[in-house]
Structures are given as C-alpha cells and as structure tokens.
C-alpha cells in the first residue's frame, strides 16, 4: 500500500480501504484459482495494482466515462482503475470463466459498484465505450481489429476516445502501422521503481 500512497496521496479513505483489501483477497483466491503467478503474488501492489494505475497517470477519466477492460484476467487493470475512478463505468471481460469469477468476487468484496466483470470473448462484445484498456493481452494490430467496433465516436474527455494498452519491451514493430497516430509513454516517467523500466503505455486514438 505504501507504493500506492506514494504516487496517489489524494486517495479517499474509502479508496485506501479498497486498495488495502486487495492483497488478502487475491492471496486467498489465488490459492484456489491461479490468476497471478504464485511467485509473484507478494509483488501484487507493484507488479499488478500500480502497473494498472499507470493508466491513471496518463489520463484522468472524466465522470461518466465508460471503459472496457479487454482480457481482464483476474481484474487487471480494471479493478484498480475502478477504485481510482468511482464515477466512471467499467466492464471487464475475459473468455476464461474462472478468472472472471475471481474478478467478480474481489469487486463484490470491496464494494465496487461501478465495475462489471463478465465472461465474454472480445469478438462477442457489442457495446460501445469511450476507451478500451488492456494489459499485454495480444499484439496491438490484432487487438485493434477486434475492438474498433466497440469505441464510441462521441468524445467526452480531453483525450480522444481510443485504445490504451500496457506493454513491455520493444513495441516499435507492434505499433508500426499506427506510427503516425500512436503515442508511447514510458511508465518510468511516472514510477521510479526498477521494475517499470522498459514498460510502456500505448495509446491509439480511434
């Protein structure tokens, strides 16, 4: 939790309580359904929660914004972002029912009312959203093909609607066809932990 407060000191008491509850909840659920590497669970706040919240450093979603978390797994980045932006609406989808169950139970346990985890493949999602977020689910061109249909043309944020991905390593070949419009931001611009070196946020407007 210290890492979260270090970068987000403005959290409300409710948000602090929700974030602090995540470790025990994921520890318990991960013992039943493996959504985070067993070796990595002790790094939950840095490698999963804070990593997800890099998006909150890149864009401050306005109240009423709708966001689709594509391939959420056990709830990342969707659950940390739902805590951070309580006045926005989040739909978290994944094709694996067990993982979605974990996200559903965690969200319910901490009282998240703006977060709806659903077992659904991206190709089956029909709704429109202001933004689609994802964390290293698939190559960007493949993701864009699936989610273009889900991005609303009505903009309400300073940042135009589009796709925001968390990626690691060399992303130049992945963004090549979007090189004239994509924005790549190093997460180490926001967080100074060594683990974030070489990790990026990629934004592609619709």
Protein backbone atom coordinates (compact mmCIF):
# COMPACT_ATOMS: atom_id res chain seq x y z
CA UNK A 1 0.00 0.00 0.00
CA UNK A 2 2.88 2.42 0.67
CA UNK A 3 3.69 2.38 -3.04
CA UNK A 4 0.12 3.31 -3.96
CA UNK A 5 0.02 6.20 -1.48
CA UNK A 6 3.45 7.39 -2.60
CA UNK A 7 2.10 8.12 -6.07
CA UNK A 8 -1.58 8.76 -5.26
CA UNK A 9 -1.63 10.64 -1.94
CA UNK A 10 -5.04 12.16 -2.73
CA UNK A 11 -6.96 8.88 -2.21
CA UNK A 12 -10.11 8.99 -0.09
CA UNK A 13 -10.46 6.79 3.00
CA UNK A 14 -12.81 4.54 1.02
CA UNK A 15 -10.26 4.12 -1.79
CA UNK A 16 -7.47 3.41 0.69
CA UNK A 17 -9.58 0.71 2.34
CA UNK A 18 -10.42 -0.85 -1.03
CA UNK A 19 -6.81 -0.92 -2.19
CA UNK A 20 -5.56 -2.28 1.15
CA UNK A 21 -8.09 -5.13 0.99
CA UNK A 22 -6.79 -6.39 -2.35
CA UNK A 23 -3.76 -8.28 -1.07
CA UNK A 24 -5.61 -10.66 1.25
CA UNK A 25 -8.40 -11.17 -1.28
CA UNK A 26 -6.05 -12.05 -4.14
CA UNK A 27 -3.90 -14.18 -1.85
CA UNK A 28 -6.98 -16.20 -0.87
CA UNK A 29 -8.43 -16.51 -4.36
CA UNK A 30 -5.07 -17.24 -5.95
CA UNK A 31 -4.73 -20.31 -3.74
CA UNK A 32 -7.90 -21.67 -5.40
CA UNK A 33 -7.69 -20.27 -8.92
CA UNK A 34 -4.30 -19.26 -10.27
CA UNK A 35 -4.72 -15.77 -11.75
CA UNK A 36 -1.34 -14.41 -10.65
CA UNK A 37 1.92 -16.35 -10.66
CA UNK A 38 2.36 -17.88 -7.18
CA UNK A 39 5.89 -16.47 -7.08
CA UNK A 40 4.58 -13.01 -7.95
CA UNK A 41 1.67 -12.64 -5.51
CA UNK A 42 3.90 -10.90 -2.94
CA UNK A 43 4.56 -8.23 -5.59
CA UNK A 44 0.82 -7.66 -6.12
CA UNK A 45 0.90 -3.92 -5.43
CA UNK A 46 3.90 -3.10 -7.60
CA UNK A 47 3.54 -5.54 -10.49
CA UNK A 48 -0.24 -5.56 -10.81
CA UNK A 49 -2.02 -2.74 -8.95
CA UNK A 50 0.49 0.07 -9.54
CA UNK A 51 1.15 -1.18 -13.08
CA UNK A 52 -2.59 -0.90 -13.78
CA UNK A 53 -2.66 2.59 -12.27
CA UNK A 54 -0.07 3.86 -14.75
CA UNK A 55 -3.11 4.47 -16.95
CA UNK A 56 -4.47 6.82 -14.26
CA UNK A 57 -1.26 8.85 -14.54
CA UNK A 58 -1.59 9.08 -18.32
CA UNK A 59 -5.28 10.09 -18.41
CA UNK A 60 -7.76 11.37 -15.84
CA UNK A 61 -11.09 9.95 -16.97
CA UNK A 62 -13.98 12.38 -16.54
CA UNK A 63 -17.03 11.25 -14.52
CA UNK A 64 -19.41 9.28 -16.73
CA UNK A 65 -16.65 7.83 -18.93
CA UNK A 66 -17.21 4.20 -19.96
CA UNK A 67 -14.22 1.85 -20.19
CA UNK A 68 -13.91 -1.73 -21.43
CA UNK A 69 -11.13 -3.84 -19.90
CA UNK A 70 -10.35 -6.39 -22.62
CA UNK A 71 -8.85 -9.67 -21.36
CA UNK A 72 -9.03 -8.65 -17.72
CA UNK A 73 -7.86 -11.98 -16.27
CA UNK A 74 -8.37 -11.66 -12.52
CA UNK A 75 -9.26 -7.97 -12.82
CA UNK A 76 -6.26 -6.00 -14.13
CA UNK A 77 -6.18 -3.19 -15.00
CA UNK A 78 -9.95 -2.89 -14.49
CA UNK A 79 -10.31 -3.29 -10.72
CA UNK A 80 -7.57 -0.81 -9.69
CA UNK A 81 -8.93 1.69 -12.24
CA UNK A 82 -12.50 1.17 -10.97
CA UNK A 83 -11.29 2.08 -7.48
CA UNK A 84 -9.41 5.11 -8.78
CA UNK A 85 -12.33 6.41 -10.87
CA UNK A 86 -15.51 5.65 -8.89
CA UNK A 87 -17.65 7.90 -11.10
CA UNK A 88 -16.73 6.03 -14.30
CA UNK A 89 -18.26 2.78 -15.57
CA UNK A 90 -16.08 -0.26 -16.19
CA UNK A 91 -16.90 -3.52 -17.94
CA UNK A 92 -14.27 -6.24 -17.51
CA UNK A 93 -14.37 -9.11 -19.98
CA UNK A 94 -12.39 -12.33 -20.31
CA UNK A 95 -13.09 -15.62 -22.03
CA UNK A 96 -11.99 -17.69 -19.01
CA UNK A 97 -14.81 -18.14 -16.51
CA UNK A 98 -12.60 -18.98 -13.52
CA UNK A 99 -10.65 -15.74 -13.88
CA UNK A 100 -13.83 -13.69 -14.25
CA UNK A 101 -15.17 -15.32 -11.08
CA UNK A 102 -12.14 -14.02 -9.16
CA UNK A 103 -12.68 -10.50 -10.52
CA UNK A 104 -16.38 -10.67 -9.64
CA UNK A 105 -15.73 -11.82 -6.08
CA UNK A 106 -12.97 -9.28 -5.45
CA UNK A 107 -15.13 -6.44 -6.79
CA UNK A 108 -18.06 -7.56 -4.65
CA UNK A 109 -15.91 -7.94 -1.52
CA UNK A 110 -14.63 -4.36 -1.68
CA UNK A 111 -18.00 -2.87 -2.65
CA UNK A 112 -17.20 -1.77 -6.19
CA UNK A 113 -20.49 -0.78 -7.79
CA UNK A 114 -19.03 0.70 -11.00
CA UNK A 115 -17.30 -2.49 -12.11
CA UNK A 116 -18.98 -5.32 -14.05
CA UNK A 117 -16.80 -8.40 -14.76
CA UNK A 118 -18.37 -10.68 -17.40
CA UNK A 119 -17.25 -13.89 -19.10
CA UNK A 120 -17.20 -12.87 -22.75
CA UNK A 121 -14.86 -13.04 -25.70
CA UNK A 122 -13.95 -9.71 -27.27
CA UNK A 123 -15.49 -10.71 -30.59
CA UNK A 124 -18.83 -11.12 -28.80
CA UNK A 125 -18.83 -7.72 -27.10
CA UNK A 126 -21.35 -5.45 -28.80
CA UNK A 127 -21.48 -2.35 -26.57
CA UNK A 128 -19.77 0.99 -27.20
CA UNK A 129 -17.22 2.52 -24.83
CA UNK A 130 -15.15 5.68 -24.64
CA UNK A 131 -11.95 3.71 -24.08
CA UNK A 132 -10.70 0.14 -24.29
CA UNK A 133 -7.85 -0.76 -21.91
CA UNK A 134 -5.79 -3.94 -21.81
CA UNK A 135 -2.65 -5.36 -20.28
CA UNK A 136 -0.41 -7.32 -22.67
CA UNK A 137 -3.29 -9.45 -23.95
CA UNK A 138 -2.27 -9.72 -27.62
CA UNK A 139 -0.42 -7.89 -30.36
CA UNK A 140 -1.79 -4.40 -30.91
CA UNK A 141 -2.94 -4.88 -34.55
CA UNK A 142 -4.92 -7.98 -33.53
CA UNK A 143 -6.47 -6.14 -30.60
CA UNK A 144 -7.41 -3.15 -32.75
CA UNK A 145 -9.22 -5.38 -35.25
CA UNK A 146 -11.43 -6.76 -32.50
CA UNK A 147 -12.19 -3.61 -30.51
CA UNK A 148 -12.55 -0.90 -33.18
CA UNK A 149 -16.27 -1.72 -33.29
CA UNK A 150 -16.58 -1.02 -29.55
CA UNK A 151 -15.22 2.53 -29.44
CA UNK A 152 -17.80 5.31 -29.33
CA UNK A 153 -17.45 8.27 -31.69
CA UNK A 154 -18.80 10.69 -29.07
CA UNK A 155 -15.92 12.15 -27.07
CA UNK A 156 -16.23 13.49 -23.53
CA UNK A 157 -12.59 13.54 -22.38
CA UNK A 158 -9.72 15.83 -23.33
CA UNK A 159 -8.04 12.72 -24.73
CA UNK A 160 -9.99 11.47 -27.78
CA UNK A 161 -11.57 8.01 -27.41
CA UNK A 162 -9.33 5.09 -28.23
CA UNK A 163 -7.30 2.13 -27.00
CA UNK A 164 -4.85 2.27 -24.07
CA UNK A 165 -2.52 -0.72 -23.63
CA UNK A 166 0.11 -1.65 -21.08
CA UNK A 167 3.06 -3.29 -22.82
CA UNK A 168 6.66 -4.24 -22.12
CA UNK A 169 9.80 -4.47 -24.22
CA UNK A 170 10.38 -3.20 -27.75
CA UNK A 171 7.00 -2.15 -29.11
CA UNK A 172 8.14 -0.44 -32.32
CA UNK A 173 7.21 -3.29 -34.67
CA UNK A 174 3.88 -3.67 -32.92
CA UNK A 175 2.88 -0.05 -33.38
CA UNK A 176 4.39 0.32 -36.86
CA UNK A 177 1.10 0.60 -38.75
CA UNK A 178 -0.12 3.17 -36.19
CA UNK A 179 3.18 5.09 -36.04
CA UNK A 180 1.60 8.36 -37.21
CA UNK A 181 -1.09 8.40 -34.51
CA UNK A 182 0.09 6.16 -31.64
CA UNK A 183 1.62 7.68 -28.51
CA UNK A 184 4.09 5.62 -26.47
CA UNK A 185 4.80 6.75 -22.90
CA UNK A 186 7.39 5.14 -20.63
CA UNK A 187 5.84 4.15 -17.31
CA UNK A 188 9.15 5.05 -15.65
CA UNK A 189 8.13 8.68 -16.31
CA UNK A 190 5.56 8.18 -13.54
CA UNK A 191 7.00 5.49 -11.25
CA UNK A 192 10.67 5.20 -10.26
CA UNK A 193 10.79 1.51 -9.29
CA UNK A 194 13.29 -0.50 -11.33
CA UNK A 195 10.60 -2.99 -12.43
CA UNK A 196 8.88 -0.35 -14.59
CA UNK A 197 11.91 0.27 -16.81
CA UNK A 198 11.12 -0.90 -20.34
CA UNK A 199 7.36 -0.87 -19.72
CA UNK A 200 5.08 1.42 -21.68
CA UNK A 201 1.61 2.81 -22.14
CA UNK A 202 0.48 2.77 -25.76
CA UNK A 203 -2.42 5.00 -26.75
CA UNK A 204 -4.07 4.75 -30.16
CA UNK A 205 -6.97 7.11 -30.90
CA UNK A 206 -9.98 5.52 -32.57
